[in-house]
């Protein structure tokens, strides 16, 4: 039971870190053009 004192704060910290990274990526436009890369693969280079 003593290990839970360490694991719960570590899990909360990692969860908040992941949430922060996700929010950062949303604000910096990482998910703006989801279809563009898929369409560029299908086009032939000239």
N, C-alpha and C. Protein backbone atom coordinates (compact mmCIF):
# COMPACT_ATOMS: atom_id res chain seq x y z
N UNK A 1 0.82 -1.20 0.00
CA UNK A 1 0.00 0.00 0.00
C UNK A 1 0.86 1.26 0.00
N UNK A 2 2.07 1.16 0.48
CA UNK A 2 2.93 2.34 0.51
C UNK A 2 3.34 2.77 -0.89
N UNK A 3 3.36 1.82 -1.82
CA UNK A 3 3.78 2.16 -3.18
C UNK A 3 2.73 3.03 -3.88
N UNK A 4 1.48 2.96 -3.44
CA UNK A 4 0.43 3.79 -4.04
C UNK A 4 0.66 5.27 -3.78
N UNK A 5 1.34 5.57 -2.68
CA UNK A 5 1.66 6.97 -2.37
C UNK A 5 2.56 7.55 -3.46
N UNK A 6 3.36 6.72 -4.09
CA UNK A 6 4.26 7.17 -5.16
C UNK A 6 3.61 7.03 -6.53
N UNK A 7 2.87 5.98 -6.75
CA UNK A 7 2.33 5.70 -8.08
C UNK A 7 1.19 6.63 -8.48
N UNK A 8 0.34 6.99 -7.54
CA UNK A 8 -0.80 7.86 -7.88
C UNK A 8 -0.33 9.25 -8.32
N UNK A 9 0.57 9.92 -7.60
CA UNK A 9 1.04 11.23 -8.10
C UNK A 9 1.81 11.13 -9.42
N UNK A 10 2.56 10.04 -9.61
CA UNK A 10 3.28 9.87 -10.87
C UNK A 10 2.29 9.68 -12.02
N UNK A 11 1.24 8.89 -11.80
CA UNK A 11 0.23 8.68 -12.84
C UNK A 11 -0.52 9.98 -13.15
N UNK A 12 -0.85 10.75 -12.13
CA UNK A 12 -1.51 12.03 -12.36
C UNK A 12 -0.61 13.00 -13.12
N UNK A 13 0.67 13.04 -12.76
CA UNK A 13 1.62 13.91 -13.45
C UNK A 13 1.75 13.52 -14.92
N UNK A 14 1.89 12.22 -15.20
CA UNK A 14 2.02 11.78 -16.59
C UNK A 14 0.74 12.04 -17.38
N UNK A 15 -0.41 11.88 -16.76
CA UNK A 15 -1.66 12.18 -17.43
C UNK A 15 -1.78 13.66 -17.76
N UNK A 16 -1.42 14.52 -16.83
CA UNK A 16 -1.45 15.96 -17.08
C UNK A 16 -0.42 16.37 -18.12
N UNK A 17 0.72 15.70 -18.13
CA UNK A 17 1.75 15.97 -19.13
C UNK A 17 1.24 15.60 -20.53
N UNK A 18 0.59 14.46 -20.65
CA UNK A 18 0.01 14.06 -21.93
C UNK A 18 -1.10 14.99 -22.37
N UNK A 19 -1.95 15.41 -21.45
CA UNK A 19 -3.01 16.35 -21.77
C UNK A 19 -2.43 17.69 -22.21
N UNK A 20 -1.38 18.12 -21.54
CA UNK A 20 -0.72 19.37 -21.93
C UNK A 20 -0.11 19.28 -23.32
N UNK A 21 0.49 18.15 -23.65
CA UNK A 21 1.07 17.97 -24.98
C UNK A 21 -0.02 17.96 -26.04
N UNK A 22 -1.15 17.34 -25.74
CA UNK A 22 -2.27 17.31 -26.68
C UNK A 22 -2.83 18.71 -26.91
N UNK A 23 -3.02 19.47 -25.85
CA UNK A 23 -3.54 20.83 -25.99
C UNK A 23 -2.55 21.71 -26.74
N UNK A 24 -1.25 21.54 -26.47
CA UNK A 24 -0.24 22.29 -27.20
C UNK A 24 -0.31 21.99 -28.69
N UNK A 25 -0.45 20.71 -29.04
CA UNK A 25 -0.51 20.35 -30.46
C UNK A 25 -1.77 20.88 -31.12
N UNK A 26 -2.88 20.96 -30.41
CA UNK A 26 -4.09 21.55 -30.96
C UNK A 26 -3.91 23.03 -31.24
N UNK A 27 -3.28 23.74 -30.33
CA UNK A 27 -3.10 25.18 -30.48
C UNK A 27 -2.08 25.54 -31.55
N UNK A 28 -1.16 24.64 -31.85
CA UNK A 28 -0.13 24.92 -32.84
C UNK A 28 -0.43 24.30 -34.21
N UNK A 29 -1.66 23.86 -34.43
CA UNK A 29 -2.11 23.46 -35.75
C UNK A 29 -1.63 22.11 -36.23
N UNK A 30 -1.35 21.19 -35.34
CA UNK A 30 -0.87 19.87 -35.76
C UNK A 30 -1.97 19.03 -36.39
N UNK A 31 -3.22 19.33 -36.11
CA UNK A 31 -4.33 18.53 -36.61
C UNK A 31 -5.20 19.31 -37.60
N UNK A 32 -4.66 20.34 -38.22
CA UNK A 32 -5.45 21.18 -39.11
C UNK A 32 -5.79 20.49 -40.43
N UNK A 33 -4.83 19.83 -41.06
CA UNK A 33 -5.02 19.26 -42.39
C UNK A 33 -4.82 17.75 -42.34
N UNK A 34 -5.88 17.03 -41.98
CA UNK A 34 -5.75 15.57 -41.86
C UNK A 34 -5.83 14.87 -43.21
N UNK A 35 -6.52 15.47 -44.19
CA UNK A 35 -6.69 14.82 -45.48
C UNK A 35 -5.61 15.19 -46.49
N UNK A 36 -4.87 16.23 -46.25
CA UNK A 36 -3.87 16.70 -47.22
C UNK A 36 -2.77 15.69 -47.47
N UNK A 37 -2.21 15.11 -46.44
CA UNK A 37 -1.13 14.13 -46.61
C UNK A 37 -1.63 12.87 -47.31
N UNK A 38 -2.84 12.46 -47.02
CA UNK A 38 -3.39 11.27 -47.67
C UNK A 38 -3.60 11.52 -49.16
N UNK A 39 -4.01 12.71 -49.54
CA UNK A 39 -4.22 13.02 -50.94
C UNK A 39 -2.90 13.20 -51.68
N UNK A 40 -1.88 13.71 -51.01
CA UNK A 40 -0.58 13.89 -51.66
C UNK A 40 0.08 12.57 -51.99
N UNK A 41 -0.20 11.54 -51.22
CA UNK A 41 0.35 10.21 -51.51
C UNK A 41 -0.21 9.67 -52.82
N UNK A 42 -1.46 9.95 -53.11
CA UNK A 42 -2.13 9.41 -54.28
C UNK A 42 -1.76 10.15 -55.57
N UNK A 43 -1.22 11.35 -55.48
CA UNK A 43 -0.89 12.13 -56.66
C UNK A 43 0.46 11.70 -57.22
N UNK A 44 0.58 11.69 -58.55
CA UNK A 44 1.84 11.37 -59.19
C UNK A 44 2.72 12.61 -59.24
N UNK A 45 4.02 12.40 -59.04
CA UNK A 45 4.98 13.48 -59.20
C UNK A 45 5.27 13.68 -60.68
N UNK A 46 5.46 14.92 -61.08
CA UNK A 46 5.75 15.20 -62.49
C UNK A 46 7.20 15.51 -62.68
